[in-house]
Amino acid sequence: MNKEPIKQFIKFGLVGVSNTLISQIVYMACIALGAHYLVASIIAFILSVLNAYVLQNIFVFKQDESLERRSWWQVLLKTYAAYAFTGLLLNNLLLILWIDIIKIERFTVILTDIIVKTGVNIENRKTAEYIAPLLNIAVNVPINFVINKFWAYRQKENTYIFDDRDNEEKNNCSDGEEKSDMKEKDKNGTNGEGENL
């Protein structure tokens, strides 16, 4: 069994933890400096995805030198697109699903009671709002991994890889073929394909 995808997924998860930390720290710092929460969210998103791009290039989806080289700017744009899909669009749709459609607050009553007993005054709806993003992780991370692995960081096969087989083919030509090519060149003043030497 090939364990490389499992290792990649674990590394991807660790990069995701660092992204979350960066995103939260940047968001809180921007808010503390007086930025509007949407501006803070955008700055946090830009910097956390840039972190994801750098770390994923180094640790998760390393460049395979036997394949066609990836264009760094295309990978960067695709990484932003992948995270925009899962981190913005899908994340918000899932929040609506958990909070407004499934109404997970029905299942967080016991947790809310435990929190209230510790002296924190919180409504059950707020507990559900705090829990919902954690549920999103179980959906977003695998989808984001697949999008990044097979789209953003995908490498194509080289269109041509020079190897020793090319030399062997040339060496295996019969002497008769080479001599007839040489006669053709001498007779016509061309290279045997109609092109002047």
C-alpha atoms as a PDB file:
ATOM      1  CA  MET A   1       0.000   0.000   0.000  1.00  0.00           C
ATOM      2  CA  ASN A   2       1.294   3.446  -0.960  1.00  0.00           C
ATOM      3  CA  LYS A   3       1.530   5.504   2.234  1.00  0.00           C
ATOM      4  CA  GLU A   4       2.568   8.726   0.491  1.00  0.00           C
ATOM      5  CA  PRO A   5      -1.008  10.135   0.188  1.00  0.00           C
ATOM      6  CA  ILE A   6      -1.565   9.485   3.912  1.00  0.00           C
ATOM      7  CA  LYS A   7       1.685  11.286   4.778  1.00  0.00           C
ATOM      8  CA  GLN A   8       0.712  14.134   2.472  1.00  0.00           C
ATOM      9  CA  PHE A   9      -2.717  14.394   4.111  1.00  0.00           C
ATOM     10  CA  ILE A  10      -1.162  14.561   7.606  1.00  0.00           C
ATOM     11  CA  LYS A  11       1.302  17.233   6.462  1.00  0.00           C
ATOM     12  CA  PHE A  12      -1.568  19.084   4.780  1.00  0.00           C
ATOM     13  CA  GLY A  13      -3.453  19.003   8.092  1.00  0.00           C
ATOM     14  CA  LEU A  14      -0.437  20.413   9.949  1.00  0.00           C
ATOM     15  CA  VAL A  15      -0.137  23.213   7.398  1.00  0.00           C
ATOM     16  CA  GLY A  16      -3.847  23.816   7.952  1.00  0.00           C
ATOM     17  CA  VAL A  17      -3.258  24.233  11.695  1.00  0.00           C
ATOM     18  CA  SER A  18      -0.594  26.859  10.979  1.00  0.00           C
ATOM     19  CA  ASN A  19      -2.971  28.580   8.524  1.00  0.00           C
ATOM     20  CA  THR A  20      -5.678  28.732  11.184  1.00  0.00           C
ATOM     21  CA  LEU A  21      -3.278  30.179  13.754  1.00  0.00           C
ATOM     22  CA  ILE A  22      -1.990  32.801  11.316  1.00  0.00           C
ATOM     23  CA  SER A  23      -5.509  33.664  10.223  1.00  0.00           C
ATOM     24  CA  GLN A  24      -6.759  34.104  13.791  1.00  0.00           C
ATOM     25  CA  ILE A  25      -3.700  36.074  14.967  1.00  0.00           C
ATOM     26  CA  VAL A  26      -3.803  38.408  11.953  1.00  0.00           C
ATOM     27  CA  TYR A  27      -7.592  38.834  12.274  1.00  0.00           C
ATOM     28  CA  MET A  28      -7.372  39.715  15.987  1.00  0.00           C
ATOM     29  CA  ALA A  29      -4.402  42.040  15.409  1.00  0.00           C
ATOM     30  CA  CYS A  30      -6.268  43.903  12.650  1.00  0.00           C
ATOM     31  CA  ILE A  31      -9.344  44.249  14.876  1.00  0.00           C
ATOM     32  CA  ALA A  32      -7.151  45.504  17.731  1.00  0.00           C
ATOM     33  CA  LEU A  33      -5.665  48.105  15.369  1.00  0.00           C
ATOM     34  CA  GLY A  34      -9.177  49.343  14.534  1.00  0.00           C
ATOM     35  CA  ALA A  35      -9.775  47.629  11.174  1.00  0.00           C
ATOM     36  CA  HIS A  36     -13.309  46.732  10.100  1.00  0.00           C
ATOM     37  CA  TYR A  37     -13.978  43.018  10.669  1.00  0.00           C
ATOM     38  CA  LEU A  38     -14.382  42.358   6.922  1.00  0.00           C
ATOM     39  CA  VAL A  39     -11.065  44.073   6.139  1.00  0.00           C
ATOM     40  CA  ALA A  40      -9.463  42.063   8.951  1.00  0.00           C
ATOM     41  CA  SER A  41     -10.969  38.867   7.533  1.00  0.00           C
ATOM     42  CA  ILE A  42      -9.680  39.593   4.014  1.00  0.00           C
ATOM     43  CA  ILE A  43      -6.143  40.391   5.232  1.00  0.00           C
ATOM     44  CA  ALA A  44      -6.144  37.254   7.394  1.00  0.00           C
ATOM     45  CA  PHE A  45      -7.347  35.170   4.421  1.00  0.00           C
ATOM     46  CA  ILE A  46      -4.667  36.555   2.074  1.00  0.00           C
ATOM     47  CA  LEU A  47      -1.815  35.961   4.527  1.00  0.00           C
ATOM     48  CA  SER A  48      -2.969  32.513   5.690  1.00  0.00           C
ATOM     49  CA  VAL A  49      -3.344  31.240   2.108  1.00  0.00           C
ATOM     50  CA  LEU A  50       0.064  32.678   1.223  1.00  0.00           C
ATOM     51  CA  ASN A  51       1.413  30.676   4.180  1.00  0.00           C
ATOM     52  CA  ALA A  52      -0.392  27.589   2.843  1.00  0.00           C
ATOM     53  CA  TYR A  53       1.147  28.085  -0.598  1.00  0.00           C
ATOM     54  CA  VAL A  54       4.702  28.375   0.756  1.00  0.00           C
ATOM     55  CA  LEU A  55       4.475  25.464   3.219  1.00  0.00           C
ATOM     56  CA  GLN A  56       2.635  23.156   0.822  1.00  0.00           C
ATOM     57  CA  ASN A  57       5.293  23.762  -1.840  1.00  0.00           C
ATOM     58  CA  ILE A  58       8.050  22.911   0.626  1.00  0.00           C
ATOM     59  CA  PHE A  59       6.542  20.115   2.737  1.00  0.00           C
ATOM     60  CA  VAL A  60       3.367  18.669   1.219  1.00  0.00           C
ATOM     61  CA  PHE A  61       3.344  18.754  -2.590  1.00  0.00           C
ATOM     62  CA  LYS A  62       7.048  18.896  -3.393  1.00  0.00           C
ATOM     63  CA  GLN A  63       8.124  19.537  -6.957  1.00  0.00           C
ATOM     64  CA  ASP A  64       8.882  16.248  -8.748  1.00  0.00           C
ATOM     65  CA  GLU A  65      11.889  16.965 -10.955  1.00  0.00           C
ATOM     66  CA  SER A  66      11.048  14.081 -13.319  1.00  0.00           C
ATOM     67  CA  LEU A  67       7.776  15.815 -14.244  1.00  0.00           C
ATOM     68  CA  GLU A  68       7.056  19.109 -15.959  1.00  0.00           C
ATOM     69  CA  ARG A  69       7.848  22.080 -13.722  1.00  0.00           C
ATOM     70  CA  ARG A  70       4.910  23.876 -12.142  1.00  0.00           C
ATOM     71  CA  SER A  71       4.422  27.556 -12.794  1.00  0.00           C
ATOM     72  CA  TRP A  72       4.635  29.218  -9.351  1.00  0.00           C
ATOM     73  CA  TRP A  73       2.108  31.934 -10.169  1.00  0.00           C
ATOM     74  CA  GLN A  74      -0.437  29.454 -11.556  1.00  0.00           C
ATOM     75  CA  VAL A  75      -0.097  27.303  -8.434  1.00  0.00           C
ATOM     76  CA  LEU A  76      -0.475  30.400  -6.241  1.00  0.00           C
ATOM     77  CA  LEU A  77      -3.639  31.508  -8.050  1.00  0.00           C
ATOM     78  CA  LYS A  78      -5.073  27.985  -7.941  1.00  0.00           C
ATOM     79  CA  THR A  79      -4.267  27.763  -4.224  1.00  0.00           C
ATOM     80  CA  TYR A  80      -6.181  30.989  -3.596  1.00  0.00           C
ATOM     81  CA  ALA A  81      -9.060  29.685  -5.715  1.00  0.00           C
ATOM     82  CA  ALA A  82      -9.146  26.363  -3.836  1.00  0.00           C
ATOM     83  CA  TYR A  83      -9.137  28.070  -0.446  1.00  0.00           C
ATOM     84  CA  ALA A  84     -11.702  30.615  -1.601  1.00  0.00           C
ATOM     85  CA  PHE A  85     -13.998  27.762  -2.598  1.00  0.00           C
ATOM     86  CA  THR A  86     -13.626  25.780   0.617  1.00  0.00           C
ATOM     87  CA  GLY A  87     -12.809  28.600   3.026  1.00  0.00           C
ATOM     88  CA  LEU A  88     -15.346  31.141   1.886  1.00  0.00           C
ATOM     89  CA  LEU A  89     -18.100  29.594  -0.224  1.00  0.00           C
ATOM     90  CA  LEU A  90     -18.341  26.047   1.123  1.00  0.00           C
ATOM     91  CA  ASN A  91     -17.597  27.125   4.692  1.00  0.00           C
ATOM     92  CA  ASN A  92     -20.478  29.624   4.723  1.00  0.00           C
ATOM     93  CA  LEU A  93     -22.888  27.192   3.064  1.00  0.00           C
ATOM     94  CA  LEU A  94     -22.038  24.583   5.697  1.00  0.00           C
ATOM     95  CA  LEU A  95     -22.553  27.125   8.504  1.00  0.00           C
ATOM     96  CA  ILE A  96     -26.032  27.826   7.158  1.00  0.00           C
ATOM     97  CA  LEU A  97     -26.652  24.064   6.958  1.00  0.00           C
ATOM     98  CA  TRP A  98     -25.529  23.341  10.542  1.00  0.00           C
ATOM     99  CA  ILE A  99     -27.027  26.402  12.240  1.00  0.00           C
ATOM    100  CA  ASP A 100     -30.161  27.319  10.291  1.00  0.00           C
ATOM    101  CA  ILE A 101     -31.265  24.099   8.601  1.00  0.00           C
ATOM    102  CA  ILE A 102     -30.159  21.216  10.847  1.00  0.00           C
ATOM    103  CA  LYS A 103     -30.252  23.500  13.911  1.00  0.00           C
ATOM    104  CA  ILE A 104     -27.378  21.869  15.781  1.00  0.00           C
ATOM    105  CA  GLU A 105     -28.240  23.933  18.842  1.00  0.00           C
ATOM    106  CA  ARG A 106     -30.637  21.076  19.659  1.00  0.00           C
ATOM    107  CA  PHE A 107     -27.541  18.926  20.215  1.00  0.00           C
ATOM    108  CA  THR A 108     -25.423  21.454  22.121  1.00  0.00           C
ATOM    109  CA  VAL A 109     -27.685  21.907  25.157  1.00  0.00           C
ATOM    110  CA  ILE A 110     -25.605  19.649  27.419  1.00  0.00           C
ATOM    111  CA  LEU A 111     -22.378  21.330  26.335  1.00  0.00           C
ATOM    112  CA  THR A 112     -23.901  24.776  26.973  1.00  0.00           C
ATOM    113  CA  ASP A 113     -24.999  23.668  30.469  1.00  0.00           C
ATOM    114  CA  ILE A 114     -21.441  22.468  31.229  1.00  0.00           C
ATOM    115  CA  ILE A 115     -20.001  25.799  30.033  1.00  0.00           C
ATOM    116  CA  VAL A 116     -22.535  27.809  32.081  1.00  0.00           C
ATOM    117  CA  LYS A 117     -21.654  25.787  35.215  1.00  0.00           C
ATOM    118  CA  THR A 118     -18.020  26.937  34.820  1.00  0.00           C
ATOM    119  CA  GLY A 119     -19.227  30.530  35.225  1.00  0.00           C
ATOM    120  CA  VAL A 120     -19.332  31.542  31.551  1.00  0.00           C
ATOM    121  CA  ASN A 121     -22.641  33.077  30.552  1.00  0.00           C
ATOM    122  CA  ILE A 122     -23.439  31.784  27.054  1.00  0.00           C
ATOM    123  CA  GLU A 123     -26.620  31.063  25.142  1.00  0.00           C
ATOM    124  CA  ASN A 124     -27.139  27.711  23.465  1.00  0.00           C
ATOM    125  CA  ARG A 125     -27.317  29.372  20.031  1.00  0.00           C
ATOM    126  CA  LYS A 126     -23.831  30.861  20.572  1.00  0.00           C
ATOM    127  CA  THR A 127     -22.455  27.448  21.544  1.00  0.00           C
ATOM    128  CA  ALA A 128     -23.822  26.088  18.263  1.00  0.00           C
ATOM    129  CA  GLU A 129     -22.197  28.969  16.374  1.00  0.00           C
ATOM    130  CA  TYR A 130     -18.847  28.139  17.990  1.00  0.00           C
ATOM    131  CA  ILE A 131     -19.207  24.396  17.287  1.00  0.00           C
ATOM    132  CA  ALA A 132     -20.343  24.723  13.638  1.00  0.00           C
ATOM    133  CA  PRO A 133     -16.914  25.779  12.242  1.00  0.00           C
ATOM    134  CA  LEU A 134     -15.370  22.715  13.892  1.00  0.00           C
ATOM    135  CA  LEU A 135     -17.858  20.531  11.999  1.00  0.00           C
ATOM    136  CA  ASN A 136     -16.819  22.299   8.805  1.00  0.00           C
ATOM    137  CA  ILE A 137     -13.241  21.104   9.256  1.00  0.00           C
ATOM    138  CA  ALA A 138     -14.339  17.489   8.775  1.00  0.00           C
ATOM    139  CA  VAL A 139     -15.794  18.414   5.376  1.00  0.00           C
ATOM    140  CA  ASN A 140     -13.469  21.190   4.176  1.00  0.00           C
ATOM    141  CA  VAL A 141     -10.075  19.635   4.870  1.00  0.00           C
ATOM    142  CA  PRO A 142     -10.496  16.471   2.738  1.00  0.00           C
ATOM    143  CA  ILE A 143     -12.076  18.457  -0.116  1.00  0.00           C
ATOM    144  CA  ASN A 144      -9.364  21.100   0.054  1.00  0.00           C
ATOM    145  CA  PHE A 145      -6.671  18.398   0.072  1.00  0.00           C
ATOM    146  CA  VAL A 146      -8.091  16.756  -3.064  1.00  0.00           C
ATOM    147  CA  ILE A 147      -8.444  20.101  -4.894  1.00  0.00           C
ATOM    148  CA  ASN A 148      -4.888  21.115  -4.026  1.00  0.00           C
ATOM    149  CA  LYS A 149      -3.306  17.727  -4.757  1.00  0.00           C
ATOM    150  CA  PHE A 150      -5.028  17.031  -8.071  1.00  0.00           C
ATOM    151  CA  TRP A 151      -5.547  20.553  -9.391  1.00  0.00           C
ATOM    152  CA  ALA A 152      -3.483  23.352  -7.807  1.00  0.00           C
ATOM    153  CA  TYR A 153      -0.238  21.383  -7.313  1.00  0.00           C
ATOM    154  CA  ARG A 154      -0.653  18.815 -10.083  1.00  0.00           C
ATOM    155  CA  GLN A 155       2.326  18.292 -12.346  1.00  0.00           C
ATOM    156  CA  LYS A 156       2.028  17.096 -15.915  1.00  0.00           C
ATOM    157  CA  GLU A 157       4.220  14.462 -17.476  1.00  0.00           C
ATOM    158  CA  ASN A 158       7.100  15.921 -19.465  1.00  0.00           C
ATOM    159  CA  THR A 159       6.260  16.047 -23.136  1.00  0.00           C
ATOM    160  CA  TYR A 160       9.732  14.747 -23.859  1.00  0.00           C
ATOM    161  CA  ILE A 161      12.284  13.198 -21.543  1.00  0.00           C
ATOM    162  CA  PHE A 162      15.672  12.483 -23.086  1.00  0.00           C
ATOM    163  CA  ASP A 163      16.967   9.081 -22.122  1.00  0.00           C
ATOM    164  CA  ASP A 164      19.408   6.462 -23.358  1.00  0.00           C
ATOM    165  CA  ARG A 165      16.775   4.801 -25.546  1.00  0.00           C
ATOM    166  CA  ASP A 166      17.173   7.636 -28.060  1.00  0.00           C
ATOM    167  CA  ASN A 167      20.895   6.943 -28.347  1.00  0.00           C
ATOM    168  CA  GLU A 168      20.270   3.198 -28.667  1.00  0.00           C
ATOM    169  CA  GLU A 169      17.872   3.754 -31.568  1.00  0.00           C
ATOM    170  CA  LYS A 170      20.480   5.813 -33.388  1.00  0.00           C
ATOM    171  CA  ASN A 171      23.192   3.231 -32.737  1.00  0.00           C
ATOM    172  CA  ASN A 172      20.973   0.359 -33.871  1.00  0.00           C
ATOM    173  CA  CYS A 173      20.480   1.794 -37.363  1.00  0.00           C
ATOM    174  CA  SER A 174      21.984  -0.475 -39.987  1.00  0.00           C
ATOM    175  CA  ASP A 175      25.106   0.675 -41.798  1.00  0.00           C
ATOM    176  CA  GLY A 176      23.180   0.375 -45.030  1.00  0.00           C
ATOM    177  CA  GLU A 177      20.643   2.959 -43.901  1.00  0.00           C
ATOM    178  CA  GLU A 178      23.342   5.390 -42.805  1.00  0.00           C
ATOM    179  CA  LYS A 179      25.300   4.937 -46.050  1.00  0.00           C
ATOM    180  CA  SER A 180      22.225   5.424 -48.219  1.00  0.00           C
ATOM    181  CA  ASP A 181      21.407   8.606 -46.264  1.00  0.00           C
ATOM    182  CA  MET A 182      24.956   9.866 -46.809  1.00  0.00           C
ATOM    183  CA  LYS A 183      24.797   9.109 -50.577  1.00  0.00           C
ATOM    184  CA  GLU A 184      21.471  10.939 -50.759  1.00  0.00           C
ATOM    185  CA  LYS A 185      23.008  13.972 -49.045  1.00  0.00           C
ATOM    186  CA  ASP A 186      26.046  13.979 -51.331  1.00  0.00           C
ATOM    187  CA  LYS A 187      24.063  13.436 -54.517  1.00  0.00           C
ATOM    188  CA  ASN A 188      21.403  16.080 -53.898  1.00  0.00           C
ATOM    189  CA  GLY A 189      23.319  18.514 -51.701  1.00  0.00           C
ATOM    190  CA  THR A 190      20.523  18.142 -49.178  1.00  0.00           C
ATOM    191  CA  ASN A 191      20.079  16.331 -45.920  1.00  0.00           C
ATOM    192  CA  GLY A 192      17.912  13.586 -47.479  1.00  0.00           C
ATOM    193  CA  GLU A 193      14.675  15.357 -46.576  1.00  0.00           C
ATOM    194  CA  GLY A 194      14.808  17.986 -49.248  1.00  0.00           C
ATOM    195  CA  GLU A 195      16.480  20.621 -47.051  1.00  0.00           C
ATOM    196  CA  ASN A 196      19.726  22.204 -48.291  1.00  0.00           C
ATOM    197  CA  LEU A 197      22.776  21.591 -46.143  1.00  0.00           C
END
